[in-house]
């Protein structure tokens, strides 16, 4: 049996009248509902042993093959690159916090790790390109203060900070 047009209009009007009541009930339900955190946790620190090996392999590749860095500083023999890459990664890992667990997702620690790797790689390449005179046995610049006159790059940094 078909409803009359008047009954349909009356029914819809009743639905519209009750809409504010329905919204109020939904708001109350939402306010009293507990929001639970998901049980799954995701952290990128510390990296797995597999990830660390992949980083070392990538560093070796960057040191031994033609790249923008090698055009400026030259390539490194494979054996030397392997030793240097492992040392750079291990020291950067230790500086960043090693196997220390983190409370958050580990992004900040990973950034420290990444910056340390970049900084140390550049130090090695610069020292190697300058003849290796500033290298210690491990391939890194010594921490001793140089008595030589400041370089042009260092002088420009000092001028900018003043």
C-alpha atoms as a PDB file:
ATOM      1  CA  UNK A   1       0.000   0.000   0.000  1.00  0.00           C
ATOM      2  CA  UNK A   2       1.348   3.328  -1.001  1.00  0.00           C
ATOM      3  CA  UNK A   3       1.554   6.065   1.535  1.00  0.00           C
ATOM      4  CA  UNK A   4      -0.101   9.318   0.712  1.00  0.00           C
ATOM      5  CA  UNK A   5       2.008  12.332  -0.096  1.00  0.00           C
ATOM      6  CA  UNK A   6       0.886  14.009   3.098  1.00  0.00           C
ATOM      7  CA  UNK A   7       2.005  11.090   5.258  1.00  0.00           C
ATOM      8  CA  UNK A   8       5.462  11.104   3.633  1.00  0.00           C
ATOM      9  CA  UNK A   9       5.846  14.856   4.214  1.00  0.00           C
ATOM     10  CA  UNK A  10       4.721  14.476   7.829  1.00  0.00           C
ATOM     11  CA  UNK A  11       7.167  11.623   8.418  1.00  0.00           C
ATOM     12  CA  UNK A  12      10.076  13.598   6.959  1.00  0.00           C
ATOM     13  CA  UNK A  13       9.135  16.627   9.035  1.00  0.00           C
ATOM     14  CA  UNK A  14       9.273  14.470  12.139  1.00  0.00           C
ATOM     15  CA  UNK A  15      12.765  13.285  11.162  1.00  0.00           C
ATOM     16  CA  UNK A  16      13.949  16.876  10.722  1.00  0.00           C
ATOM     17  CA  UNK A  17      12.517  17.864  14.101  1.00  0.00           C
ATOM     18  CA  UNK A  18      14.404  15.042  15.824  1.00  0.00           C
ATOM     19  CA  UNK A  19      17.708  15.785  14.059  1.00  0.00           C
ATOM     20  CA  UNK A  20      19.077  18.122  16.800  1.00  0.00           C
ATOM     21  CA  UNK A  21      18.248  15.484  19.406  1.00  0.00           C
ATOM     22  CA  UNK A  22      20.091  12.824  17.387  1.00  0.00           C
ATOM     23  CA  UNK A  23      23.148  15.090  17.012  1.00  0.00           C
ATOM     24  CA  UNK A  24      23.198  15.802  20.737  1.00  0.00           C
ATOM     25  CA  UNK A  25      23.067  12.071  21.487  1.00  0.00           C
ATOM     26  CA  UNK A  26      25.923  11.414  19.045  1.00  0.00           C
ATOM     27  CA  UNK A  27      28.050  14.144  20.651  1.00  0.00           C
ATOM     28  CA  UNK A  28      27.457  12.659  24.111  1.00  0.00           C
ATOM     29  CA  UNK A  29      28.322   9.176  22.858  1.00  0.00           C
ATOM     30  CA  UNK A  30      31.525  10.457  21.262  1.00  0.00           C
ATOM     31  CA  UNK A  31      32.541  12.299  24.450  1.00  0.00           C
ATOM     32  CA  UNK A  32      32.088   9.232  26.634  1.00  0.00           C
ATOM     33  CA  UNK A  33      33.725   6.783  24.232  1.00  0.00           C
ATOM     34  CA  UNK A  34      37.299   5.939  25.212  1.00  0.00           C
ATOM     35  CA  UNK A  35      39.875   6.311  22.479  1.00  0.00           C
ATOM     36  CA  UNK A  36      42.515   3.615  22.741  1.00  0.00           C
ATOM     37  CA  UNK A  37      45.956   3.755  21.184  1.00  0.00           C
ATOM     38  CA  UNK A  38      46.693   1.048  18.671  1.00  0.00           C
ATOM     39  CA  UNK A  39      48.652  -1.881  20.062  1.00  0.00           C
ATOM     40  CA  UNK A  40      51.157  -1.694  17.199  1.00  0.00           C
ATOM     41  CA  UNK A  41      54.270   0.368  17.843  1.00  0.00           C
ATOM     42  CA  UNK A  42      56.660   1.539  15.135  1.00  0.00           C
ATOM     43  CA  UNK A  43      60.199   2.672  15.847  1.00  0.00           C
ATOM     44  CA  UNK A  44      63.050   3.190  13.399  1.00  0.00           C
ATOM     45  CA  UNK A  45      65.772   3.254  16.039  1.00  0.00           C
ATOM     46  CA  UNK A  46      67.932   1.331  16.543  1.00  0.00           C
ATOM     47  CA  UNK A  47      68.356   0.134  12.964  1.00  0.00           C
ATOM     48  CA  UNK A  48      68.594  -3.594  12.362  1.00  0.00           C
ATOM     49  CA  UNK A  49      71.942  -5.230  11.694  1.00  0.00           C
ATOM     50  CA  UNK A  50      70.795  -5.743   8.110  1.00  0.00           C
ATOM     51  CA  UNK A  51      70.117  -2.006   7.715  1.00  0.00           C
ATOM     52  CA  UNK A  52      73.505  -1.127   9.167  1.00  0.00           C
ATOM     53  CA  UNK A  53      75.252  -3.491   6.729  1.00  0.00           C
ATOM     54  CA  UNK A  54      73.312  -1.933   3.852  1.00  0.00           C
ATOM     55  CA  UNK A  55      74.490   1.523   4.964  1.00  0.00           C
ATOM     56  CA  UNK A  56      78.118   0.346   5.083  1.00  0.00           C
ATOM     57  CA  UNK A  57      77.774  -1.172   1.608  1.00  0.00           C
ATOM     58  CA  UNK A  58      76.315   2.072   0.280  1.00  0.00           C
ATOM     59  CA  UNK A  59      79.175   4.063   1.827  1.00  0.00           C
ATOM     60  CA  UNK A  60      81.704   1.723   0.200  1.00  0.00           C
ATOM     61  CA  UNK A  61      79.957   2.175  -3.136  1.00  0.00           C
ATOM     62  CA  UNK A  62      79.999   5.963  -2.749  1.00  0.00           C
ATOM     63  CA  UNK A  63      83.717   5.938  -1.940  1.00  0.00           C
ATOM     64  CA  UNK A  64      84.807   3.622  -4.741  1.00  0.00           C
ATOM     65  CA  UNK A  65      82.684   4.661  -7.724  1.00  0.00           C
ATOM     66  CA  UNK A  66      82.387   7.805  -9.820  1.00  0.00           C
ATOM     67  CA  UNK A  67      80.090  10.297  -8.087  1.00  0.00           C
ATOM     68  CA  UNK A  68      79.900  14.037  -7.451  1.00  0.00           C
ATOM     69  CA  UNK A  69      81.970  13.475  -4.285  1.00  0.00           C
ATOM     70  CA  UNK A  70      84.625  11.476  -6.116  1.00  0.00           C
ATOM     71  CA  UNK A  71      84.912  14.148  -8.792  1.00  0.00           C
ATOM     72  CA  UNK A  72      85.916  16.603  -6.104  1.00  0.00           C
ATOM     73  CA  UNK A  73      87.861  14.362  -3.717  1.00  0.00           C
ATOM     74  CA  UNK A  74      88.762  11.304  -5.809  1.00  0.00           C
ATOM     75  CA  UNK A  75      87.821   7.665  -5.376  1.00  0.00           C
ATOM     76  CA  UNK A  76      89.127   5.417  -2.617  1.00  0.00           C
ATOM     77  CA  UNK A  77      90.559   1.914  -3.146  1.00  0.00           C
ATOM     78  CA  UNK A  78      88.053  -0.833  -2.233  1.00  0.00           C
ATOM     79  CA  UNK A  79      89.931  -2.188   0.810  1.00  0.00           C
ATOM     80  CA  UNK A  80      90.460   1.264   2.272  1.00  0.00           C
ATOM     81  CA  UNK A  81      86.837   2.180   1.527  1.00  0.00           C
ATOM     82  CA  UNK A  82      85.566  -0.928   3.359  1.00  0.00           C
ATOM     83  CA  UNK A  83      87.585  -0.136   6.486  1.00  0.00           C
ATOM     84  CA  UNK A  84      86.644   3.539   6.378  1.00  0.00           C
ATOM     85  CA  UNK A  85      82.930   2.854   5.800  1.00  0.00           C
ATOM     86  CA  UNK A  86      82.731   0.405   8.722  1.00  0.00           C
ATOM     87  CA  UNK A  87      84.526   2.802  11.030  1.00  0.00           C
ATOM     88  CA  UNK A  88      82.381   5.787   9.995  1.00  0.00           C
ATOM     89  CA  UNK A  89      79.170   3.791  10.511  1.00  0.00           C
ATOM     90  CA  UNK A  90      80.223   2.317  13.878  1.00  0.00           C
ATOM     91  CA  UNK A  91      81.334   5.657  15.300  1.00  0.00           C
ATOM     92  CA  UNK A  92      78.237   7.437  14.005  1.00  0.00           C
ATOM     93  CA  UNK A  93      76.042   4.721  15.515  1.00  0.00           C
ATOM     94  CA  UNK A  94      77.766   5.127  18.888  1.00  0.00           C
ATOM     95  CA  UNK A  95      77.439   8.930  18.815  1.00  0.00           C
ATOM     96  CA  UNK A  96      73.731   8.698  17.967  1.00  0.00           C
ATOM     97  CA  UNK A  97      73.019   6.465  20.931  1.00  0.00           C
ATOM     98  CA  UNK A  98      73.877   2.949  19.847  1.00  0.00           C
ATOM     99  CA  UNK A  99      71.404   0.255  20.830  1.00  0.00           C
ATOM    100  CA  UNK A 100      69.672   2.604  23.261  1.00  0.00           C
ATOM    101  CA  UNK A 101      65.893   2.273  23.041  1.00  0.00           C
ATOM    102  CA  UNK A 102      63.958   5.489  22.442  1.00  0.00           C
ATOM    103  CA  UNK A 103      60.539   6.558  23.731  1.00  0.00           C
ATOM    104  CA  UNK A 104      59.285   7.989  20.453  1.00  0.00           C
ATOM    105  CA  UNK A 105      59.571   6.689  16.898  1.00  0.00           C
ATOM    106  CA  UNK A 106      63.353   7.305  16.810  1.00  0.00           C
ATOM    107  CA  UNK A 107      63.299   9.911  14.068  1.00  0.00           C
ATOM    108  CA  UNK A 108      65.472  12.446  15.925  1.00  0.00           C
ATOM    109  CA  UNK A 109      68.115   9.843  16.773  1.00  0.00           C
ATOM    110  CA  UNK A 110      68.138   8.639  13.168  1.00  0.00           C
ATOM    111  CA  UNK A 111      68.765  12.230  12.021  1.00  0.00           C
ATOM    112  CA  UNK A 112      71.744  12.519  14.379  1.00  0.00           C
ATOM    113  CA  UNK A 113      73.082   9.209  13.025  1.00  0.00           C
ATOM    114  CA  UNK A 114      72.674  10.328   9.430  1.00  0.00           C
ATOM    115  CA  UNK A 115      74.319  13.717  10.029  1.00  0.00           C
ATOM    116  CA  UNK A 116      77.245  12.059  11.812  1.00  0.00           C
ATOM    117  CA  UNK A 117      77.813   9.708   8.884  1.00  0.00           C
ATOM    118  CA  UNK A 118      77.782  12.615   6.423  1.00  0.00           C
ATOM    119  CA  UNK A 119      80.079  14.741   8.563  1.00  0.00           C
ATOM    120  CA  UNK A 120      82.597  11.959   9.121  1.00  0.00           C
ATOM    121  CA  UNK A 121      82.631  10.892   5.467  1.00  0.00           C
ATOM    122  CA  UNK A 122      83.336  14.456   4.388  1.00  0.00           C
ATOM    123  CA  UNK A 123      86.134  14.777   6.974  1.00  0.00           C
ATOM    124  CA  UNK A 124      87.759  11.596   5.669  1.00  0.00           C
ATOM    125  CA  UNK A 125      87.523  12.683   2.046  1.00  0.00           C
ATOM    126  CA  UNK A 126      88.809  16.193   2.717  1.00  0.00           C
ATOM    127  CA  UNK A 127      91.743  14.898   4.753  1.00  0.00           C
ATOM    128  CA  UNK A 128      92.547  12.273   2.119  1.00  0.00           C
ATOM    129  CA  UNK A 129      92.396  14.865  -0.687  1.00  0.00           C
ATOM    130  CA  UNK A 130      94.735  17.190   1.205  1.00  0.00           C
ATOM    131  CA  UNK A 131      97.401  14.514   1.181  1.00  0.00           C
ATOM    132  CA  UNK A 132      96.437  12.564   4.279  1.00  0.00           C
ATOM    133  CA  UNK A 133      98.778  14.527   6.517  1.00  0.00           C
ATOM    134  CA  UNK A 134      95.968  15.153   9.002  1.00  0.00           C
ATOM    135  CA  UNK A 135      94.849  11.525   9.165  1.00  0.00           C
ATOM    136  CA  UNK A 136      95.375   9.330  12.172  1.00  0.00           C
ATOM    137  CA  UNK A 137      95.644   5.530  11.840  1.00  0.00           C
ATOM    138  CA  UNK A 138      91.870   5.099  11.549  1.00  0.00           C
ATOM    139  CA  UNK A 139      91.493   7.460   8.619  1.00  0.00           C
ATOM    140  CA  UNK A 140      90.020  10.411  10.499  1.00  0.00           C
ATOM    141  CA  UNK A 141      91.383  13.860  11.125  1.00  0.00           C
ATOM    142  CA  UNK A 142      93.094  14.222  14.445  1.00  0.00           C
ATOM    143  CA  UNK A 143      91.367  16.360  17.022  1.00  0.00           C
ATOM    144  CA  UNK A 144      94.475  18.478  17.662  1.00  0.00           C
ATOM    145  CA  UNK A 145      94.214  22.205  17.098  1.00  0.00           C
ATOM    146  CA  UNK A 146      96.161  23.354  14.071  1.00  0.00           C
ATOM    147  CA  UNK A 147      98.579  26.248  14.459  1.00  0.00           C
ATOM    148  CA  UNK A 148      98.326  27.090  10.768  1.00  0.00           C
ATOM    149  CA  UNK A 149      96.545  30.218   9.584  1.00  0.00           C
ATOM    150  CA  UNK A 150      92.763  29.811   9.190  1.00  0.00           C
ATOM    151  CA  UNK A 151      91.554  28.690   5.804  1.00  0.00           C
ATOM    152  CA  UNK A 152      89.523  30.926   3.541  1.00  0.00           C
ATOM    153  CA  UNK A 153      86.395  28.896   4.353  1.00  0.00           C
ATOM    154  CA  UNK A 154      86.940  29.253   8.114  1.00  0.00           C
ATOM    155  CA  UNK A 155      87.587  32.981   7.767  1.00  0.00           C
ATOM    156  CA  UNK A 156      84.340  33.516   5.877  1.00  0.00           C
ATOM    157  CA  UNK A 157      82.400  31.627   8.566  1.00  0.00           C
ATOM    158  CA  UNK A 158      83.965  33.808  11.264  1.00  0.00           C
ATOM    159  CA  UNK A 159      83.062  36.969   9.329  1.00  0.00           C
ATOM    160  CA  UNK A 160      79.457  35.836   8.899  1.00  0.00           C
ATOM    161  CA  UNK A 161      79.006  35.178  12.605  1.00  0.00           C
ATOM    162  CA  UNK A 162      80.183  38.698  13.537  1.00  0.00           C
END
